Amino acid sequence: MKIATCRLSSLSPYSQSRFHGTPRENKETPDDHERRVWRERLHTDKAGMVFIPPMAFKNGIAETAKFMGRQIPGKGKATYTKHFEAGILVLEGMPLGIHKDDVIGEWLHMPADGVRGSGKRVMKCYPKIEEWSGSVAFHILDDNITKDVFAEHLAEFGSFIGIGRFRPRNNGFYGRFKVDGIDWS
């Protein structure tokens, strides 16, 4: 097993959209509820510090392998997809060093039912972090994933897949990042 500790920094803002299910208070309007709970869309630890969840990285690198469809040399038409899906773990999130109370909100006119192009629209607020950086450790269990292959996929992940709400893979442009370095152990 190899551990790749990756230092990443933003190329575009980052936004989260975690489901929170916080109920409305008695006689609270939908708009008042949105103003009160929008920060609950953030992933935070017990101290209220924001982090990027580990599965965002695990799923993102696997999605990158599928997106790239790169074939494994000497293995015919086999690609790296299944190796990235099953052969990589990310056990801890990336702390961003920002408290949830310091995050700004971005108000958007969104479909009420969450379906793109549907009729009724409402105002929603999503957290937006303009600049971010940090380190995340990828545990690489599959020997077919070499250092060079991993580094190439990670760079493509930051450019074409991204993380969070409104990322490139979902027709957006937030959540793009660059790789500042990879430390191997």
Protein backbone atom coordinates (compact mmCIF):
# COMPACT_ATOMS: atom_id res chain seq x y z
CA MET A 1 0.00 0.00 0.00
CA LYS A 2 1.11 3.52 -0.83
CA ILE A 3 -0.15 6.71 0.79
CA ALA A 4 -0.23 9.82 -1.36
CA THR A 5 -0.59 12.96 0.76
CA CYS A 6 -1.74 15.56 -1.73
CA ARG A 7 -1.52 19.31 -1.29
CA LEU A 8 -4.32 20.97 -3.24
CA SER A 9 -5.35 24.59 -3.76
CA SER A 10 -8.34 26.20 -5.41
CA LEU A 11 -8.62 27.32 -9.01
CA SER A 12 -12.26 28.31 -8.44
CA PRO A 13 -14.60 28.79 -5.47
CA TYR A 14 -15.98 25.81 -3.56
CA SER A 15 -19.57 25.31 -2.45
CA GLN A 16 -21.25 22.58 -0.43
CA SER A 17 -24.85 21.38 -0.48
CA ARG A 18 -25.13 18.80 2.32
CA PHE A 19 -28.69 17.72 3.15
CA HIS A 20 -29.62 18.89 6.63
CA GLY A 21 -33.38 18.41 7.06
CA THR A 22 -33.66 21.09 9.75
CA PRO A 23 -37.41 21.60 10.37
CA ARG A 24 -39.08 24.97 10.17
CA GLU A 25 -39.98 26.61 13.45
CA ASN A 26 -43.56 27.44 14.33
CA LYS A 27 -44.90 30.17 11.97
CA GLU A 28 -41.51 30.49 10.22
CA THR A 29 -41.78 31.34 6.53
CA PRO A 30 -39.76 29.37 3.95
CA ASP A 31 -37.58 32.46 3.32
CA ASP A 32 -36.90 32.96 7.03
CA HIS A 33 -36.07 29.27 7.35
CA GLU A 34 -33.59 29.52 4.46
CA ARG A 35 -31.91 32.55 6.06
CA ARG A 36 -31.62 30.71 9.38
CA VAL A 37 -30.29 27.31 8.21
CA TRP A 38 -28.28 27.78 4.99
CA ARG A 39 -24.97 27.22 6.82
CA GLU A 40 -26.23 23.74 7.75
CA ARG A 41 -25.37 22.78 4.15
CA LEU A 42 -21.71 22.85 5.21
CA HIS A 43 -19.78 19.79 6.36
CA THR A 44 -18.37 20.77 9.77
CA ASP A 45 -16.72 19.10 12.72
CA LYS A 46 -17.94 19.48 16.33
CA ALA A 47 -16.10 22.81 16.65
CA GLY A 48 -17.87 24.22 13.56
CA MET A 49 -14.78 24.04 11.34
CA VAL A 50 -15.49 23.33 7.67
CA PHE A 51 -13.99 20.30 5.91
CA ILE A 52 -14.30 18.61 2.53
CA PRO A 53 -15.64 15.08 3.14
CA PRO A 54 -13.37 12.13 2.31
CA MET A 55 -15.92 10.58 -0.06
CA ALA A 56 -15.79 13.70 -2.26
CA PHE A 57 -12.18 12.80 -3.02
CA LYS A 58 -12.70 9.02 -3.19
CA ASN A 59 -15.67 9.30 -5.55
CA GLY A 60 -14.07 12.13 -7.54
CA ILE A 61 -10.89 10.22 -8.36
CA ALA A 62 -12.95 7.16 -9.33
CA GLU A 63 -15.15 9.35 -11.55
CA THR A 64 -11.99 10.73 -13.13
CA ALA A 65 -10.77 7.23 -14.03
CA LYS A 66 -14.13 6.51 -15.65
CA PHE A 67 -14.09 9.88 -17.45
CA MET A 68 -10.55 9.37 -18.78
CA GLY A 69 -11.03 5.73 -19.78
CA ARG A 70 -7.26 5.26 -19.93
CA GLN A 71 -6.26 1.71 -20.83
CA ILE A 72 -3.78 -0.26 -18.72
CA PRO A 73 -0.66 -1.02 -20.78
CA GLY A 74 -0.37 -4.74 -21.53
CA LYS A 75 -3.93 -5.56 -20.37
CA GLY A 76 -5.79 -5.25 -23.69
CA LYS A 77 -8.84 -3.00 -23.51
CA ALA A 78 -8.95 -2.98 -19.66
CA THR A 79 -9.08 0.49 -18.14
CA TYR A 80 -8.12 1.84 -14.72
CA THR A 81 -11.74 2.48 -13.70
CA LYS A 82 -12.32 -0.57 -11.49
CA HIS A 83 -8.86 -0.17 -9.94
CA PHE A 84 -9.61 3.41 -8.86
CA GLU A 85 -13.11 2.47 -7.66
CA ALA A 86 -11.98 -0.42 -5.46
CA GLY A 87 -8.28 0.26 -4.91
CA ILE A 88 -8.28 3.72 -3.29
CA LEU A 89 -9.43 4.84 0.15
CA VAL A 90 -9.67 8.30 1.62
CA LEU A 91 -10.21 7.99 5.35
CA GLU A 92 -10.20 11.62 6.51
CA GLY A 93 -11.59 14.81 5.07
CA MET A 94 -9.63 17.92 4.20
CA PRO A 95 -9.90 20.61 6.90
CA LEU A 96 -10.18 24.06 5.35
CA GLY A 97 -9.31 26.10 8.44
CA ILE A 98 -12.46 28.20 8.26
CA HIS A 99 -15.30 28.37 10.77
CA LYS A 100 -18.84 27.99 9.42
CA ASP A 101 -19.76 31.44 10.77
CA ASP A 102 -17.10 33.01 8.53
CA VAL A 103 -18.45 31.46 5.30
CA ILE A 104 -20.36 33.76 2.95
CA GLY A 105 -23.66 32.80 1.33
CA GLU A 106 -24.57 32.88 -2.33
CA TRP A 107 -28.27 33.47 -3.02
CA LEU A 108 -29.56 31.77 -6.16
CA HIS A 109 -32.93 31.49 -7.92
CA MET A 110 -33.28 27.67 -7.99
CA PRO A 111 -35.93 25.17 -9.10
CA ALA A 112 -38.17 24.44 -6.10
CA ASP A 113 -38.11 20.68 -6.78
CA GLY A 114 -34.38 20.51 -7.62
CA VAL A 115 -35.06 19.45 -11.23
CA ARG A 116 -33.25 21.53 -13.83
CA GLY A 117 -35.68 23.34 -16.14
CA SER A 118 -38.79 22.74 -14.04
CA GLY A 119 -41.34 25.50 -13.45
CA LYS A 120 -41.53 26.93 -9.93
CA ARG A 121 -38.40 28.62 -8.61
CA VAL A 122 -37.40 29.75 -5.13
CA MET A 123 -34.47 31.59 -3.56
CA LYS A 124 -31.87 29.31 -1.94
CA CYS A 125 -28.62 30.19 -0.25
CA TYR A 126 -25.53 28.02 -0.58
CA PRO A 127 -22.23 28.43 1.24
CA LYS A 128 -19.39 29.71 -0.93
CA ILE A 129 -15.69 29.59 -0.11
CA GLU A 130 -13.76 31.80 -2.52
CA GLU A 131 -10.27 30.38 -1.90
CA TRP A 132 -9.31 27.13 -0.21
CA SER A 133 -6.38 24.77 0.18
CA GLY A 134 -5.27 21.83 2.24
CA SER A 135 -3.93 18.29 2.30
CA VAL A 136 -5.72 14.99 1.84
CA ALA A 137 -4.30 11.45 2.06
CA PHE A 138 -5.20 8.87 -0.58
CA HIS A 139 -4.50 5.25 0.45
CA ILE A 140 -3.64 3.39 -2.75
CA LEU A 141 -4.20 -0.34 -2.28
CA ASP A 142 -4.01 -1.42 -5.93
CA ASP A 143 -0.52 -1.90 -7.38
CA ASN A 144 -1.84 -1.22 -10.90
CA ILE A 145 -2.13 2.43 -9.86
CA THR A 146 1.43 3.72 -10.17
CA LYS A 147 2.66 7.08 -8.90
CA ASP A 148 2.58 8.56 -12.41
CA VAL A 149 -0.90 7.21 -13.19
CA PHE A 150 -2.25 8.54 -9.88
CA ALA A 151 -0.68 11.98 -10.39
CA GLU A 152 -2.12 12.22 -13.91
CA HIS A 153 -5.60 11.26 -12.71
CA LEU A 154 -5.45 13.68 -9.76
CA ALA A 155 -4.55 16.58 -12.07
CA GLU A 156 -7.44 15.69 -14.40
CA PHE A 157 -9.76 15.37 -11.37
CA GLY A 158 -8.99 18.97 -10.43
CA SER A 159 -9.53 20.26 -13.96
CA PHE A 160 -12.49 18.30 -15.30
CA ILE A 161 -14.40 16.70 -12.41
CA GLY A 162 -13.98 18.99 -9.39
CA ILE A 163 -15.60 18.75 -5.96
CA GLY A 164 -18.70 20.14 -4.30
CA ARG A 165 -21.81 21.80 -5.65
CA PHE A 166 -21.72 23.22 -9.18
CA ARG A 167 -18.53 21.34 -10.12
CA PRO A 168 -17.42 20.89 -13.77
CA ARG A 169 -18.72 17.31 -13.99
CA ASN A 170 -22.19 18.67 -13.15
CA ASN A 171 -22.09 21.52 -15.72
CA GLY A 172 -20.58 24.04 -13.31
CA PHE A 173 -17.22 25.62 -12.67
CA TYR A 174 -16.77 25.60 -8.87
CA GLY A 175 -14.57 23.10 -7.04
CA ARG A 176 -11.67 23.10 -9.51
CA PHE A 177 -8.22 22.72 -8.00
CA LYS A 178 -4.54 22.34 -8.80
CA VAL A 179 -2.08 19.88 -7.31
CA ASP A 180 0.66 21.72 -5.41
CA GLY A 181 2.51 18.54 -4.50
CA ILE A 182 2.28 14.86 -3.63
CA ASP A 183 4.26 13.25 -0.79
CA TRP A 184 4.55 9.47 -1.00
CA SER A 185 4.95 7.02 1.87
